[in-house]
C-alpha atoms as a PDB file:
ATOM      1  CA  MET A   1       0.031  -0.090   0.033  1.00  0.00           C
ATOM      2  CA  ALA A   2       1.393   3.518  -1.122  1.00  0.00           C
ATOM      3  CA  ASP A   3       2.011   5.875   1.751  1.00  0.00           C
ATOM      4  CA  ARG A   4       2.544   8.933  -0.495  1.00  0.00           C
ATOM      5  CA  ARG A   5       0.704  10.461  -3.790  1.00  0.00           C
ATOM      6  CA  ALA A   6       2.162  11.717  -6.406  1.00  0.00           C
ATOM      7  CA  LEU A   7       0.180  13.559  -9.304  1.00  0.00           C
ATOM      8  CA  LEU A   8       1.938  13.570 -12.811  1.00  0.00           C
ATOM      9  CA  ILE A   9       1.107  16.671 -15.282  1.00  0.00           C
ATOM     10  CA  PRO A  10       1.738  16.309 -18.687  1.00  0.00           C
ATOM     11  CA  GLY A  11       3.402  18.919 -21.336  1.00  0.00           C
ATOM     12  CA  ARG A  12       1.641  20.001 -24.332  1.00  0.00           C
ATOM     13  CA  GLY A  13       2.644  17.167 -26.583  1.00  0.00           C
ATOM     14  CA  TYR A  14       4.171  15.158 -24.007  1.00  0.00           C
ATOM     15  CA  ASP A  15       1.474  13.020 -22.135  1.00  0.00           C
ATOM     16  CA  THR A  16       2.360  10.834 -19.104  1.00  0.00           C
ATOM     17  CA  ARG A  17       2.960   7.567 -21.104  1.00  0.00           C
ATOM     18  CA  ALA A  18       6.091   9.280 -22.495  1.00  0.00           C
ATOM     19  CA  PRO A  19       9.434   8.048 -21.471  1.00  0.00           C
ATOM     20  CA  LEU A  20      10.195  10.654 -18.834  1.00  0.00           C
ATOM     21  CA  PHE A  21       6.944   9.904 -17.074  1.00  0.00           C
ATOM     22  CA  ALA A  22       7.183   6.133 -17.450  1.00  0.00           C
ATOM     23  CA  TYR A  23      10.031   6.037 -15.779  1.00  0.00           C
ATOM     24  CA  VAL A  24       9.822   8.743 -13.242  1.00  0.00           C
ATOM     25  CA  GLY A  25       6.423   7.170 -12.346  1.00  0.00           C
ATOM     26  CA  GLU A  26       7.868   3.824 -11.620  1.00  0.00           C
ATOM     27  CA  ALA A  27      10.998   5.001  -9.642  1.00  0.00           C
ATOM     28  CA  LEU A  28       8.318   6.878  -7.449  1.00  0.00           C
ATOM     29  CA  ARG A  29       6.232   3.540  -7.026  1.00  0.00           C
ATOM     30  CA  ARG A  30       9.134   1.759  -5.989  1.00  0.00           C
ATOM     31  CA  LEU A  31       9.612   4.413  -3.361  1.00  0.00           C
ATOM     32  CA  GLY A  32       6.045   3.791  -1.865  1.00  0.00           C
ATOM     33  CA  PHE A  33       4.000   6.655  -4.191  1.00  0.00           C
ATOM     34  CA  GLU A  34       0.545   5.874  -5.382  1.00  0.00           C
ATOM     35  CA  ILE A  35       0.815   7.622  -9.044  1.00  0.00           C
ATOM     36  CA  HIS A  36      -1.981   9.431 -10.210  1.00  0.00           C
ATOM     37  CA  GLU A  37      -1.987  11.364 -13.608  1.00  0.00           C
ATOM     38  CA  VAL A  38      -3.697  14.425 -15.124  1.00  0.00           C
ATOM     39  CA  THR A  39      -4.682  13.788 -18.840  1.00  0.00           C
ATOM     40  CA  TRP A  40      -5.641  16.453 -21.126  1.00  0.00           C
ATOM     41  CA  GLN A  41      -5.942  17.572 -24.650  1.00  0.00           C
ATOM     42  CA  VAL A  42      -4.753  21.062 -25.222  1.00  0.00           C
ATOM     43  CA  PRO A  43      -7.377  23.053 -27.025  1.00  0.00           C
ATOM     44  CA  ARG A  44      -5.880  24.225 -30.341  1.00  0.00           C
ATOM     45  CA  ASP A  45      -7.325  27.633 -30.049  1.00  0.00           C
ATOM     46  CA  LEU A  46      -6.078  28.134 -26.304  1.00  0.00           C
ATOM     47  CA  ARG A  47      -4.874  31.493 -26.179  1.00  0.00           C
ATOM     48  CA  GLY A  48      -1.526  32.486 -24.489  1.00  0.00           C
ATOM     49  CA  ASP A  49      -3.230  34.815 -22.075  1.00  0.00           C
ATOM     50  CA  ARG A  50      -5.524  31.927 -20.988  1.00  0.00           C
ATOM     51  CA  THR A  51      -2.970  29.041 -20.629  1.00  0.00           C
ATOM     52  CA  ALA A  52      -1.714  29.335 -16.843  1.00  0.00           C
ATOM     53  CA  ASP A  53      -5.711  29.536 -16.061  1.00  0.00           C
ATOM     54  CA  TRP A  54      -6.385  26.517 -18.126  1.00  0.00           C
ATOM     55  CA  VAL A  55      -3.755  24.424 -16.463  1.00  0.00           C
ATOM     56  CA  ASP A  56      -4.978  25.432 -13.092  1.00  0.00           C
ATOM     57  CA  GLU A  57      -8.265  24.545 -13.959  1.00  0.00           C
ATOM     58  CA  GLN A  58      -7.043  20.933 -15.112  1.00  0.00           C
ATOM     59  CA  VAL A  59      -4.851  20.488 -12.179  1.00  0.00           C
ATOM     60  CA  ALA A  60      -6.459  21.947  -8.945  1.00  0.00           C
ATOM     61  CA  PRO A  61      -9.463  19.335  -8.940  1.00  0.00           C
ATOM     62  CA  ALA A  62      -6.695  16.598  -8.693  1.00  0.00           C
ATOM     63  CA  LEU A  63      -5.093  18.129  -5.607  1.00  0.00           C
ATOM     64  CA  ALA A  64      -8.485  18.034  -3.650  1.00  0.00           C
ATOM     65  CA  LYS A  65      -7.764  14.220  -3.149  1.00  0.00           C
ATOM     66  CA  GLY A  66      -4.506  15.186  -1.317  1.00  0.00           C
ATOM     67  CA  VAL A  67      -0.847  15.194  -2.771  1.00  0.00           C
ATOM     68  CA  ASP A  68       2.421  14.750  -1.517  1.00  0.00           C
ATOM     69  CA  LEU A  69       4.445  15.596  -4.692  1.00  0.00           C
ATOM     70  CA  LEU A  70       3.730  17.260  -8.080  1.00  0.00           C
ATOM     71  CA  VAL A  71       5.929  16.164 -11.156  1.00  0.00           C
ATOM     72  CA  GLY A  72       5.251  18.466 -14.460  1.00  0.00           C
ATOM     73  CA  LYS A  73       6.678  18.721 -17.564  1.00  0.00           C
ATOM     74  CA  SER A  74       6.888  21.889 -19.806  1.00  0.00           C
ATOM     75  CA  LEU A  75       3.316  23.174 -19.970  1.00  0.00           C
ATOM     76  CA  GLY A  76       2.622  21.274 -16.905  1.00  0.00           C
ATOM     77  CA  THR A  77       4.988  23.486 -14.976  1.00  0.00           C
ATOM     78  CA  LEU A  78       2.461  26.337 -15.324  1.00  0.00           C
ATOM     79  CA  ALA A  79       0.936  24.519 -12.102  1.00  0.00           C
ATOM     80  CA  THR A  80       4.143  26.080 -10.291  1.00  0.00           C
ATOM     81  CA  PRO A  81       1.751  28.542  -8.520  1.00  0.00           C
ATOM     82  CA  LEU A  82      -0.454  25.753  -7.306  1.00  0.00           C
ATOM     83  CA  ALA A  83       2.556  24.077  -5.789  1.00  0.00           C
ATOM     84  CA  ALA A  84       3.911  27.333  -4.227  1.00  0.00           C
ATOM     85  CA  ASP A  85       0.510  28.307  -2.871  1.00  0.00           C
ATOM     86  CA  ARG A  86      -0.146  24.862  -1.238  1.00  0.00           C
ATOM     87  CA  GLY A  87       3.144  24.119   0.210  1.00  0.00           C
ATOM     88  CA  LEU A  88       3.936  21.109  -2.092  1.00  0.00           C
ATOM     89  CA  ARG A  89       7.215  19.680  -3.158  1.00  0.00           C
ATOM     90  CA  ALA A  90       7.905  19.149  -6.750  1.00  0.00           C
ATOM     91  CA  VAL A  91       9.939  17.713  -9.838  1.00  0.00           C
ATOM     92  CA  TRP A  92       9.631  19.947 -12.608  1.00  0.00           C
ATOM     93  CA  LEU A  93      10.791  18.425 -16.003  1.00  0.00           C
ATOM     94  CA  THR A  94      12.075  20.925 -18.569  1.00  0.00           C
ATOM     95  CA  PRO A  95      10.518  23.791 -16.898  1.00  0.00           C
ATOM     96  CA  VAL A  96       9.729  27.023 -18.905  1.00  0.00           C
ATOM     97  CA  LEU A  97      12.085  28.936 -17.266  1.00  0.00           C
ATOM     98  CA  ASN A  98      11.616  31.823 -19.519  1.00  0.00           C
ATOM     99  CA  HIS A  99       8.060  32.212 -18.207  1.00  0.00           C
ATOM    100  CA  PRO A 100       8.048  34.955 -15.557  1.00  0.00           C
ATOM    101  CA  ASP A 101       4.872  33.496 -13.846  1.00  0.00           C
ATOM    102  CA  ILE A 102       6.855  30.119 -13.302  1.00  0.00           C
ATOM    103  CA  VAL A 103       9.900  32.004 -12.109  1.00  0.00           C
ATOM    104  CA  ALA A 104       7.938  34.040  -9.547  1.00  0.00           C
ATOM    105  CA  ALA A 105       6.153  30.965  -8.447  1.00  0.00           C
ATOM    106  CA  LEU A 106       9.502  29.042  -8.033  1.00  0.00           C
ATOM    107  CA  GLY A 107      11.022  32.016  -6.260  1.00  0.00           C
ATOM    108  CA  ARG A 108       8.345  31.943  -3.461  1.00  0.00           C
ATOM    109  CA  ALA A 109       7.926  28.167  -3.035  1.00  0.00           C
ATOM    110  CA  THR A 110       8.318  27.159   0.562  1.00  0.00           C
ATOM    111  CA  GLU A 111       8.856  23.580  -0.210  1.00  0.00           C
ATOM    112  CA  PRO A 112      11.788  22.055  -2.078  1.00  0.00           C
ATOM    113  CA  PHE A 113      11.699  21.553  -5.590  1.00  0.00           C
ATOM    114  CA  LEU A 114      13.849  19.689  -8.300  1.00  0.00           C
ATOM    115  CA  LEU A 115      14.600  21.393 -11.583  1.00  0.00           C
ATOM    116  CA  VAL A 116      15.534  19.294 -14.746  1.00  0.00           C
ATOM    117  CA  GLY A 117      16.607  20.377 -17.944  1.00  0.00           C
ATOM    118  CA  GLY A 118      19.053  20.536 -20.604  1.00  0.00           C
ATOM    119  CA  THR A 119      21.397  23.312 -22.175  1.00  0.00           C
ATOM    120  CA  GLY A 120      20.129  22.342 -25.736  1.00  0.00           C
ATOM    121  CA  ASP A 121      16.559  23.320 -24.584  1.00  0.00           C
ATOM    122  CA  ALA A 122      15.577  27.122 -25.381  1.00  0.00           C
ATOM    123  CA  LEU A 123      13.240  27.424 -22.518  1.00  0.00           C
ATOM    124  CA  TRP A 124      15.859  26.158 -20.059  1.00  0.00           C
ATOM    125  CA  ASN A 125      17.938  28.499 -18.104  1.00  0.00           C
ATOM    126  CA  GLY A 126      20.619  26.677 -15.849  1.00  0.00           C
ATOM    127  CA  ALA A 127      21.585  30.253 -14.306  1.00  0.00           C
ATOM    128  CA  VAL A 128      17.951  30.834 -13.088  1.00  0.00           C
ATOM    129  CA  ALA A 129      17.581  27.084 -12.246  1.00  0.00           C
ATOM    130  CA  ARG A 130      20.555  27.163  -9.921  1.00  0.00           C
ATOM    131  CA  ARG A 131      19.535  30.626  -8.467  1.00  0.00           C
ATOM    132  CA  LEU A 132      16.317  29.112  -7.598  1.00  0.00           C
ATOM    133  CA  THR A 133      17.192  25.981  -5.998  1.00  0.00           C
ATOM    134  CA  PRO A 134      20.217  23.718  -5.099  1.00  0.00           C
ATOM    135  CA  HIS A 135      18.234  20.779  -6.410  1.00  0.00           C
ATOM    136  CA  VAL A 136      19.032  20.924 -10.046  1.00  0.00           C
ATOM    137  CA  LEU A 137      19.783  18.278 -13.012  1.00  0.00           C
ATOM    138  CA  GLU A 138      21.300  19.929 -15.979  1.00  0.00           C
ATOM    139  CA  VAL A 139      22.171  17.674 -18.817  1.00  0.00           C
ATOM    140  CA  PRO A 140      24.681  18.966 -21.363  1.00  0.00           C
ATOM    141  CA  ASP A 141      22.950  19.103 -24.792  1.00  0.00           C
ATOM    142  CA  ALA A 142      19.720  17.695 -23.828  1.00  0.00           C
ATOM    143  CA  ASP A 143      16.698  18.959 -25.658  1.00  0.00           C
ATOM    144  CA  HIS A 144      13.145  19.928 -24.523  1.00  0.00           C
ATOM    145  CA  ALA A 145      12.617  16.100 -24.674  1.00  0.00           C
ATOM    146  CA  MET A 146      15.704  15.332 -22.703  1.00  0.00           C
ATOM    147  CA  LEU A 147      17.035  13.593 -25.706  1.00  0.00           C
ATOM    148  CA  VAL A 148      20.852  14.076 -26.418  1.00  0.00           C
ATOM    149  CA  PRO A 149      22.768  13.914 -30.043  1.00  0.00           C
ATOM    150  CA  GLY A 150      24.255  10.779 -30.829  1.00  0.00           C
ATOM    151  CA  PRO A 151      23.451   7.196 -30.240  1.00  0.00           C
ATOM    152  CA  LEU A 152      20.121   6.789 -28.610  1.00  0.00           C
ATOM    153  CA  ALA A 153      21.887   4.912 -25.774  1.00  0.00           C
ATOM    154  CA  ARG A 154      23.128   8.187 -24.795  1.00  0.00           C
ATOM    155  CA  SER A 155      19.395   9.519 -24.143  1.00  0.00           C
ATOM    156  CA  ALA A 156      18.754   6.413 -22.348  1.00  0.00           C
ATOM    157  CA  GLU A 157      21.395   6.984 -19.914  1.00  0.00           C
ATOM    158  CA  VAL A 158      19.891  10.617 -19.390  1.00  0.00           C
ATOM    159  CA  LEU A 159      16.641   9.029 -18.426  1.00  0.00           C
ATOM    160  CA  GLY A 160      18.631   6.857 -16.094  1.00  0.00           C
ATOM    161  CA  ARG A 161      19.926  10.065 -14.644  1.00  0.00           C
ATOM    162  CA  VAL A 162      16.824  11.738 -14.484  1.00  0.00           C
ATOM    163  CA  CYS A 163      15.235   8.863 -12.352  1.00  0.00           C
ATOM    164  CA  THR A 164      18.340   8.919  -9.889  1.00  0.00           C
ATOM    165  CA  ALA A 165      17.756  12.532  -9.246  1.00  0.00           C
ATOM    166  CA  VAL A 166      14.389  11.971  -8.454  1.00  0.00           C
ATOM    167  CA  GLU A 167      14.847   9.076  -6.312  1.00  0.00           C
ATOM    168  CA  ASP A 168      17.459  11.115  -4.343  1.00  0.00           C
ATOM    169  CA  PHE A 169      15.473  14.200  -4.358  1.00  0.00           C
ATOM    170  CA  VAL A 170      12.284  12.344  -2.948  1.00  0.00           C
ATOM    171  CA  ARG A 171      14.087   9.917  -0.341  1.00  0.00           C
END
């Protein structure tokens, strides 16, 4: 029986069945988390000025059941204000660190959070990440999907590094 609850929050085109979530979810299960997933179909006509509210509307109801950890990717990192407001620990995969609302919410968070990103991702800013938290995994050359150039085995190694960082963070 799981004694902790984690909520997985997808990205725009990266749902919770994708590799990062599949492996991070399994790592969390092995550490005693019950895994719950937000599923969504992002409206094609979703305006930029409505995006944060839309994410909030999708995620907030799932928090009513009690959550110990949020794990969000990309678009899902627009849930950072919810984590900050509710005092929740979080893992943010490829957070949109050029979005001022996300950076502001991370700056006022009272619980620890892990930021995971790559230097090949235009939405990642390692200097900002390290300013916000000591819990950072920055992967050289990794893109927004945390894939690196070269043989695919290198990207699989990155996936393992992400899982290890998450395991170390939540222990």
